[in-house]
N, C-alpha and C. Protein backbone atom coordinates (compact mmCIF):
# COMPACT_ATOMS: atom_id res chain seq x y z
N MET A 1 15.60 -15.30 -12.57
CA MET A 1 14.77 -14.12 -12.39
C MET A 1 14.88 -13.27 -13.65
N LEU A 2 13.74 -12.81 -14.10
CA LEU A 2 13.68 -12.00 -15.29
C LEU A 2 13.69 -10.51 -14.87
N ILE A 3 14.62 -9.72 -15.43
CA ILE A 3 14.67 -8.27 -15.13
C ILE A 3 13.81 -7.59 -16.18
N LEU A 4 12.74 -6.97 -15.73
CA LEU A 4 11.81 -6.29 -16.61
C LEU A 4 12.23 -4.88 -16.91
N ALA A 5 12.77 -4.23 -15.89
CA ALA A 5 13.20 -2.81 -16.02
C ALA A 5 14.16 -2.50 -14.89
N THR A 6 14.84 -1.37 -15.00
CA THR A 6 15.75 -0.92 -13.94
C THR A 6 15.46 0.57 -13.67
N SER A 7 15.92 1.03 -12.54
CA SER A 7 15.80 2.46 -12.20
C SER A 7 17.01 2.84 -11.37
N LYS A 8 17.34 4.09 -11.39
CA LYS A 8 18.51 4.59 -10.67
C LYS A 8 18.08 5.23 -9.37
N ILE A 9 18.91 5.03 -8.33
CA ILE A 9 18.67 5.69 -7.03
C ILE A 9 19.25 7.09 -7.13
N GLN A 10 18.44 8.11 -6.80
CA GLN A 10 18.90 9.48 -6.85
C GLN A 10 19.68 9.81 -5.57
N SER A 11 20.27 10.99 -5.53
CA SER A 11 21.09 11.41 -4.40
C SER A 11 20.32 11.42 -3.08
N ASN A 12 19.05 11.64 -3.11
CA ASN A 12 18.24 11.68 -1.87
C ASN A 12 17.54 10.33 -1.63
N TYR A 13 18.03 9.27 -2.25
CA TYR A 13 17.55 7.89 -2.11
C TYR A 13 16.17 7.68 -2.69
N GLN A 14 15.74 8.52 -3.59
CA GLN A 14 14.46 8.32 -4.28
C GLN A 14 14.71 7.63 -5.60
N THR A 15 13.67 6.95 -6.12
CA THR A 15 13.77 6.35 -7.42
C THR A 15 12.42 6.42 -8.11
N THR A 16 12.36 6.24 -9.39
CA THR A 16 11.12 6.20 -10.14
C THR A 16 10.79 4.76 -10.45
N ILE A 17 9.54 4.41 -10.24
CA ILE A 17 9.06 3.06 -10.58
C ILE A 17 8.90 3.05 -12.09
N PRO A 18 9.58 2.14 -12.77
CA PRO A 18 9.55 2.11 -14.25
C PRO A 18 8.11 1.93 -14.80
N LYS A 19 7.89 2.52 -15.97
CA LYS A 19 6.59 2.50 -16.60
C LYS A 19 6.03 1.08 -16.73
N GLU A 20 6.88 0.13 -17.09
CA GLU A 20 6.45 -1.25 -17.27
C GLU A 20 5.85 -1.83 -16.01
N ILE A 21 6.48 -1.52 -14.87
CA ILE A 21 6.02 -2.00 -13.58
C ILE A 21 4.74 -1.27 -13.19
N ARG A 22 4.69 0.06 -13.33
CA ARG A 22 3.49 0.84 -13.01
C ARG A 22 2.29 0.33 -13.78
N LYS A 23 2.49 0.05 -15.07
CA LYS A 23 1.41 -0.42 -15.93
C LYS A 23 0.97 -1.84 -15.53
N ASN A 24 1.92 -2.75 -15.31
CA ASN A 24 1.62 -4.11 -15.00
C ASN A 24 0.88 -4.27 -13.66
N TYR A 25 1.21 -3.43 -12.68
CA TYR A 25 0.63 -3.52 -11.34
C TYR A 25 -0.41 -2.43 -11.07
N GLU A 26 -0.76 -1.64 -12.08
CA GLU A 26 -1.75 -0.58 -11.97
C GLU A 26 -1.39 0.37 -10.85
N ILE A 27 -0.15 0.82 -10.83
CA ILE A 27 0.35 1.72 -9.79
C ILE A 27 -0.01 3.16 -10.16
N ASP A 28 -0.58 3.87 -9.17
CA ASP A 28 -0.89 5.30 -9.36
C ASP A 28 -0.53 6.03 -8.05
N ASN A 29 -0.95 7.27 -7.91
CA ASN A 29 -0.60 8.05 -6.74
C ASN A 29 -1.36 7.62 -5.48
N GLU A 30 -2.21 6.64 -5.60
CA GLU A 30 -2.92 6.06 -4.42
C GLU A 30 -2.29 4.75 -4.00
N THR A 31 -1.14 4.41 -4.56
CA THR A 31 -0.48 3.16 -4.27
C THR A 31 0.57 3.35 -3.18
N VAL A 32 0.65 2.40 -2.25
CA VAL A 32 1.63 2.37 -1.18
C VAL A 32 2.60 1.24 -1.55
N VAL A 33 3.87 1.51 -1.38
CA VAL A 33 4.92 0.49 -1.61
C VAL A 33 5.35 -0.03 -0.23
N GLU A 34 5.20 -1.35 -0.05
CA GLU A 34 5.60 -2.00 1.20
C GLU A 34 6.90 -2.74 0.94
N TRP A 35 7.86 -2.55 1.85
CA TRP A 35 9.18 -3.19 1.71
C TRP A 35 9.32 -4.30 2.76
N PHE A 36 9.86 -5.41 2.35
CA PHE A 36 10.04 -6.57 3.24
C PHE A 36 11.45 -7.14 3.03
N ILE A 37 11.93 -7.80 4.07
CA ILE A 37 13.15 -8.63 3.92
C ILE A 37 12.66 -10.09 4.09
N ASN A 38 12.85 -10.96 3.09
CA ASN A 38 12.38 -12.31 3.20
C ASN A 38 13.29 -13.15 4.05
N LYS A 39 12.91 -14.43 4.23
CA LYS A 39 13.72 -15.29 5.11
C LYS A 39 15.10 -15.57 4.62
N ASN A 40 15.35 -15.31 3.33
CA ASN A 40 16.72 -15.47 2.77
C ASN A 40 17.55 -14.17 2.88
N GLY A 41 16.91 -13.13 3.45
CA GLY A 41 17.60 -11.85 3.62
C GLY A 41 17.55 -10.95 2.38
N ASN A 42 16.71 -11.31 1.41
CA ASN A 42 16.57 -10.53 0.21
C ASN A 42 15.38 -9.56 0.29
N PRO A 43 15.52 -8.38 -0.25
CA PRO A 43 14.39 -7.44 -0.22
C PRO A 43 13.28 -7.84 -1.19
N GLU A 44 12.06 -7.59 -0.77
CA GLU A 44 10.90 -7.81 -1.61
C GLU A 44 10.00 -6.59 -1.44
N ILE A 45 9.19 -6.32 -2.45
CA ILE A 45 8.25 -5.22 -2.34
C ILE A 45 6.85 -5.69 -2.71
N ASN A 46 5.88 -4.99 -2.20
CA ASN A 46 4.48 -5.26 -2.48
C ASN A 46 3.81 -3.94 -2.74
N PHE A 47 2.86 -3.90 -3.65
CA PHE A 47 2.11 -2.70 -3.95
C PHE A 47 0.68 -2.89 -3.47
N ARG A 48 0.09 -1.91 -2.80
CA ARG A 48 -1.30 -1.93 -2.40
C ARG A 48 -1.87 -0.53 -2.44
N LYS A 49 -3.16 -0.45 -2.54
CA LYS A 49 -3.82 0.85 -2.55
C LYS A 49 -3.90 1.40 -1.14
N LYS A 50 -3.89 2.74 -1.01
CA LYS A 50 -4.04 3.34 0.30
C LYS A 50 -5.37 2.96 0.91
N ARG A 51 -5.41 2.79 2.21
CA ARG A 51 -6.65 2.45 2.90
C ARG A 51 -7.19 3.71 3.58
N ASN A 52 -8.48 3.85 3.48
CA ASN A 52 -9.11 4.94 4.23
C ASN A 52 -10.38 4.39 4.90
N PHE A 53 -11.09 5.20 5.61
CA PHE A 53 -12.25 4.73 6.36
C PHE A 53 -13.27 4.05 5.45
N LYS A 54 -13.53 4.59 4.29
CA LYS A 54 -14.49 3.98 3.35
C LYS A 54 -14.05 2.58 2.98
N ASN A 55 -12.76 2.38 2.76
CA ASN A 55 -12.27 1.04 2.38
C ASN A 55 -12.47 0.06 3.49
N LEU A 56 -12.35 0.51 4.74
CA LEU A 56 -12.38 -0.39 5.88
C LEU A 56 -13.79 -0.63 6.39
N ALA A 57 -14.74 0.23 6.04
CA ALA A 57 -16.10 0.07 6.53
C ALA A 57 -16.65 -1.28 6.12
N GLY A 58 -17.13 -2.04 7.12
CA GLY A 58 -17.70 -3.36 6.88
C GLY A 58 -16.68 -4.48 6.79
N ALA A 59 -15.41 -4.14 6.95
CA ALA A 59 -14.35 -5.14 6.82
C ALA A 59 -14.20 -6.01 8.07
N PHE A 60 -14.72 -5.54 9.20
CA PHE A 60 -14.60 -6.24 10.46
C PHE A 60 -15.96 -6.55 11.06
N LYS A 61 -16.07 -7.69 11.69
CA LYS A 61 -17.32 -8.10 12.32
C LYS A 61 -17.13 -8.02 13.84
N THR A 62 -18.18 -7.67 14.54
CA THR A 62 -18.17 -7.64 15.98
C THR A 62 -19.52 -8.03 16.53
N ASP A 63 -19.57 -8.56 17.71
CA ASP A 63 -20.85 -8.90 18.33
C ASP A 63 -21.47 -7.68 19.01
N GLU A 64 -20.67 -6.62 19.19
CA GLU A 64 -21.18 -5.41 19.81
C GLU A 64 -22.09 -4.65 18.86
N LYS A 65 -23.05 -3.99 19.45
CA LYS A 65 -23.92 -3.09 18.63
C LYS A 65 -23.07 -1.86 18.30
N THR A 66 -23.05 -1.49 17.04
CA THR A 66 -22.26 -0.32 16.64
C THR A 66 -23.17 0.69 15.93
N ASN A 67 -22.72 1.91 15.92
CA ASN A 67 -23.43 2.99 15.29
C ASN A 67 -22.43 3.70 14.38
N ALA A 68 -22.67 3.75 13.11
CA ALA A 68 -21.71 4.32 12.15
C ALA A 68 -21.38 5.79 12.47
N VAL A 69 -22.36 6.54 12.92
CA VAL A 69 -22.12 7.95 13.25
C VAL A 69 -21.17 8.08 14.41
N GLU A 70 -21.39 7.25 15.47
CA GLU A 70 -20.50 7.30 16.63
C GLU A 70 -19.07 6.80 16.25
N LEU A 71 -19.01 5.80 15.41
CA LEU A 71 -17.67 5.34 15.00
C LEU A 71 -16.92 6.43 14.26
N LYS A 72 -17.60 7.12 13.37
CA LYS A 72 -16.97 8.18 12.59
C LYS A 72 -16.55 9.34 13.52
N ARG A 73 -17.40 9.70 14.48
CA ARG A 73 -17.03 10.73 15.46
C ARG A 73 -15.79 10.35 16.24
N GLY A 74 -15.67 9.07 16.54
CA GLY A 74 -14.48 8.59 17.29
C GLY A 74 -13.19 8.79 16.52
N LEU A 75 -13.25 8.85 15.21
CA LEU A 75 -12.06 9.08 14.40
C LEU A 75 -11.49 10.48 14.65
N TYR A 76 -12.34 11.41 14.98
CA TYR A 76 -11.93 12.83 15.11
C TYR A 76 -11.65 13.25 16.54
N GLU A 77 -11.79 12.34 17.48
CA GLU A 77 -11.52 12.67 18.89
C GLU A 77 -10.09 12.53 19.22
């Protein structure tokens, strides 16, 4: 395994993602860090962008007739 960068855990268990990692994975303030434990018991992380309604629109198919206005209203109920 190649170590690209390191970071220190602060007293409140926070850390900074090193610049090399942020640049390589295009990490910004819209990025979510997902933590996993793999089958060998080792931690792994994944980076993904935050999801919002606009990102999810059209991502799912259904046989039901839908109305975008009603779907959006349902979010606020």
